[in-house]
Protein backbone atom coordinates (compact mmCIF):
# COMPACT_ATOMS: atom_id res chain seq x y z
CA MET A 1 105.16 88.29 130.08
CA PRO A 2 105.97 90.77 127.27
CA PHE A 3 108.46 92.90 129.22
CA GLU A 4 111.43 91.67 131.21
CA LEU A 5 113.75 93.42 133.62
CA PRO A 6 116.85 94.21 131.54
CA SER A 7 120.16 92.88 132.76
CA LEU A 8 122.90 95.40 133.46
CA SER A 9 126.09 95.30 131.40
CA TYR A 10 128.13 96.07 134.53
CA ALA A 11 128.17 95.04 138.19
CA TYR A 12 126.24 96.93 140.84
CA ASP A 13 129.48 98.32 142.26
CA ALA A 14 130.97 99.28 138.90
CA LEU A 15 129.84 102.92 139.03
CA GLU A 16 131.34 103.62 142.45
CA PRO A 17 132.16 106.08 143.93
CA ASN A 18 129.75 108.09 141.78
CA ILE A 19 126.77 105.77 142.38
CA ASP A 20 127.09 103.28 145.22
CA ALA A 21 126.48 99.55 144.88
CA ARG A 22 123.66 99.35 147.42
CA THR A 23 121.69 102.07 145.64
CA MET A 24 122.24 100.37 142.28
CA GLU A 25 121.09 97.01 143.64
CA ILE A 26 117.93 98.37 145.23
CA HIS A 27 117.19 100.64 142.29
CA HIS A 28 117.51 97.88 139.70
CA SER A 29 116.32 94.75 141.49
CA LYS A 30 113.51 96.36 143.49
CA HIS A 31 112.31 99.59 141.87
CA HIS A 32 112.82 98.77 138.20
CA ASN A 33 111.70 95.21 138.77
CA GLY A 34 108.53 96.51 140.39
CA TYR A 35 107.74 98.80 137.46
CA THR A 36 108.28 95.89 135.07
CA THR A 37 105.98 93.53 136.96
CA ASN A 38 103.28 96.16 137.40
CA LEU A 39 103.44 97.16 133.73
CA ASN A 40 102.93 93.55 132.66
CA ASN A 41 99.97 93.29 135.02
CA ALA A 42 98.49 96.55 133.73
CA ILE A 43 98.56 95.52 130.06
CA ALA A 44 97.55 91.89 130.54
CA ASP A 45 94.47 90.97 128.49
CA THR A 46 94.55 94.30 126.61
CA PRO A 47 95.63 95.17 123.05
CA LEU A 48 98.73 96.87 124.51
CA ILE A 49 100.28 93.49 125.18
CA ASN A 50 101.35 93.24 121.53
CA LYS A 51 102.98 96.69 121.35
CA SER A 52 106.50 97.90 122.04
CA ILE A 53 107.03 100.14 125.03
CA GLU A 54 107.64 103.07 122.68
CA GLU A 55 104.30 102.44 120.94
CA ILE A 56 102.54 102.14 124.28
CA LEU A 57 103.91 105.42 125.61
CA SER A 58 103.52 107.49 122.44
CA GLY A 59 99.86 106.48 122.09
CA LEU A 60 99.09 106.45 125.79
CA ASP A 61 95.77 107.38 127.38
CA MET A 62 97.25 109.71 130.02
CA GLU A 63 94.37 108.90 132.36
CA ASN A 64 95.51 105.29 132.49
CA LYS A 65 97.70 105.86 135.53
CA ALA A 66 98.81 102.23 135.90
CA VAL A 67 100.29 102.10 132.40
CA ARG A 68 101.49 105.72 132.53
CA ASN A 69 103.42 105.30 135.78
CA ASN A 70 104.72 101.78 135.29
CA GLY A 71 105.31 102.04 131.55
CA GLY A 72 107.23 105.24 132.12
CA GLY A 73 109.15 103.65 134.98
CA PHE A 74 110.08 100.67 132.83
CA TYR A 75 111.22 102.74 129.84
CA ASN A 76 112.99 105.48 131.82
CA HIS A 77 115.08 103.09 133.87
CA ARG A 78 115.96 100.95 130.86
CA LEU A 79 117.44 104.05 129.23
CA PHE A 80 119.11 105.15 132.48
CA TRP A 81 121.12 101.93 132.84
CA LYS A 82 122.04 101.95 129.17
CA ILE A 83 123.59 105.41 129.07
CA MET A 84 125.86 104.84 132.08
CA SER A 85 129.18 103.02 132.09
CA PRO A 86 132.16 102.43 134.39
CA ASN A 87 134.21 103.92 131.55
CA GLY A 88 131.96 106.96 131.21
CA GLY A 89 132.64 110.63 131.63
CA GLY A 90 134.38 113.08 129.36
CA ILE A 91 132.49 114.93 126.67
CA PRO A 92 130.49 113.90 123.60
CA SER A 93 131.95 113.88 120.11
CA GLY A 94 130.76 113.64 116.53
CA ALA A 95 127.25 114.57 115.44
CA LEU A 96 125.93 114.78 119.00
CA ALA A 97 128.65 117.23 120.05
CA GLU A 98 127.81 119.39 117.04
CA ALA A 99 124.10 119.35 117.89
CA ILE A 100 124.83 120.28 121.51
CA ASP A 101 127.10 123.15 120.43
CA ASN A 102 124.47 124.38 117.96
CA LYS A 103 121.80 124.46 120.67
CA PHE A 104 123.70 125.52 123.77
CA GLY A 105 126.90 127.11 122.46
CA SER A 106 129.20 124.72 124.32
CA PHE A 107 129.23 121.49 126.28
CA GLU A 108 129.71 123.42 129.53
CA GLU A 109 126.59 125.47 128.84
CA PHE A 110 124.66 122.27 128.09
CA LYS A 111 125.90 120.77 131.36
CA THR A 112 124.74 123.85 133.24
CA THR A 113 121.32 123.76 131.58
CA PHE A 114 120.83 120.02 132.10
CA SER A 115 122.02 120.18 135.71
CA LYS A 116 119.65 123.05 136.46
CA ALA A 117 116.71 121.15 134.94
CA ALA A 118 117.54 118.14 137.13
CA ALA A 119 118.18 120.16 140.29
CA THR A 120 115.03 122.28 140.02
CA GLN A 121 112.60 119.48 139.14
CA PHE A 122 110.28 119.73 142.11
CA GLY A 123 109.84 116.43 143.90
CA SER A 124 110.34 113.22 141.96
CA GLY A 125 111.06 113.16 138.25
CA TRP A 126 113.63 113.15 135.48
CA ALA A 127 115.71 115.55 133.39
CA TRP A 128 116.25 114.74 129.72
CA LEU A 129 118.33 115.46 126.67
CA CYS A 130 116.09 114.83 123.67
CA VAL A 131 116.59 114.74 119.92
CA LYS A 132 113.94 116.15 117.62
CA LYS A 133 113.06 115.06 114.09
CA ASP A 134 115.19 117.82 112.56
CA GLY A 135 118.27 116.61 114.46
CA SER A 136 118.27 119.44 116.99
CA VAL A 137 118.46 118.71 120.71
CA ASP A 138 116.84 120.18 123.78
CA VAL A 139 116.75 119.78 127.55
CA CYS A 140 113.60 119.42 129.62
CA ALA A 141 112.30 117.82 132.81
CA THR A 142 109.23 115.75 133.65
CA ALA A 143 107.52 114.79 136.87
CA ASN A 144 107.27 111.30 138.34
CA GLN A 145 107.80 108.64 135.61
CA ASP A 146 106.59 110.77 132.70
CA ASN A 147 108.87 111.15 129.69
CA PRO A 148 109.00 113.02 126.37
CA LEU A 149 107.48 110.13 124.39
CA MET A 150 104.14 110.84 126.07
CA GLN A 151 101.74 113.28 124.43
CA ASP A 152 101.21 116.84 125.70
CA ILE A 153 103.83 116.45 128.38
CA GLY A 154 105.43 119.81 127.56
CA CYS A 155 108.64 118.09 126.52
CA GLU A 156 109.28 117.12 122.89
CA GLY A 157 111.56 114.63 121.20
CA VAL A 158 113.08 111.21 121.72
CA PRO A 159 115.00 110.85 125.00
CA ILE A 160 118.68 109.99 124.50
CA LEU A 161 119.94 110.87 127.98
CA GLY A 162 118.04 110.91 131.26
CA ILE A 163 118.84 111.32 134.92
CA ASP A 164 116.59 109.93 137.64
CA VAL A 165 116.10 112.51 140.39
CA TRP A 166 113.74 110.45 142.52
CA GLU A 167 115.26 110.26 145.99
CA HIS A 168 115.67 106.49 145.71
CA ALA A 169 118.27 107.13 142.98
CA TYR A 170 120.71 108.95 145.25
CA TYR A 171 119.61 109.33 148.87
CA LEU A 172 121.70 106.55 150.46
CA ASN A 173 124.91 108.23 149.33
CA TYR A 174 124.02 111.88 148.80
CA GLN A 175 121.09 112.42 151.19
CA ASN A 176 119.53 115.79 150.28
CA LYS A 177 122.49 116.93 148.17
CA ARG A 178 120.90 116.40 144.78
CA PRO A 179 123.33 118.74 142.96
CA ASP A 180 126.28 116.59 144.11
CA TYR A 181 124.59 113.50 142.66
CA ILE A 182 123.89 115.31 139.39
CA ASN A 183 127.52 116.38 139.12
CA ALA A 184 128.70 112.81 139.81
CA PHE A 185 126.33 111.49 137.13
CA PHE A 186 128.40 113.23 134.47
CA ASN A 187 131.34 111.01 135.46
CA VAL A 188 129.48 107.87 134.36
CA ILE A 189 127.67 109.02 131.20
CA ASP A 190 128.57 106.79 128.25
CA TRP A 191 128.65 109.41 125.51
CA SER A 192 129.30 106.86 122.76
CA THR A 193 125.97 105.21 123.57
CA VAL A 194 124.20 108.58 123.78
CA ASN A 195 125.64 109.48 120.37
CA GLU A 196 124.32 106.20 118.93
CA LEU A 197 120.88 107.02 120.32
CA TYR A 198 121.13 110.51 118.85
CA LEU A 199 121.91 109.16 115.38
CA LYS A 200 119.08 106.64 115.66
CA GLY A 201 116.54 109.21 116.83
CA ALA A 202 117.46 112.11 114.56
């Protein structure tokens, strides 16, 4: 199989109390594992089997729902786990901080904009911080498992930070209080990793 469920660099309970262990376990071992298995099944015996997930998504036939949904689910969650850490929180620094200030005026204004995008995404989906080719950043949201790598999604750039606002990401602990989950997410963001992704994508 070309794609494998990525291992986490921390234990399921490591992000508590911000994200509870049971949610992490179900989210990773059931949901992400399911997207991974279904993606492999969807690309089996097709030319896509030899491509990276980034190549698959950037050249995707958007009518291919099996690859669109499961490929997006695989990629989105892989990024989600990567940009969180038990030692997260705080604010970004370096080139990323400068790009955020240039776009939003301040980190607090970025946080407000990102949180609003996540909170107002109707139904299931994601909110993103993306870097564009010129090094600028922007915030957007997508439905379901779509992401900015996909064509004509109304959201440009390479994702460097994403928050999952599907109910399975937070409902055990936060129930219908999505804004509380979004606020807690900022306590576990690994800004050093996000900055590395920014430098790589810019």
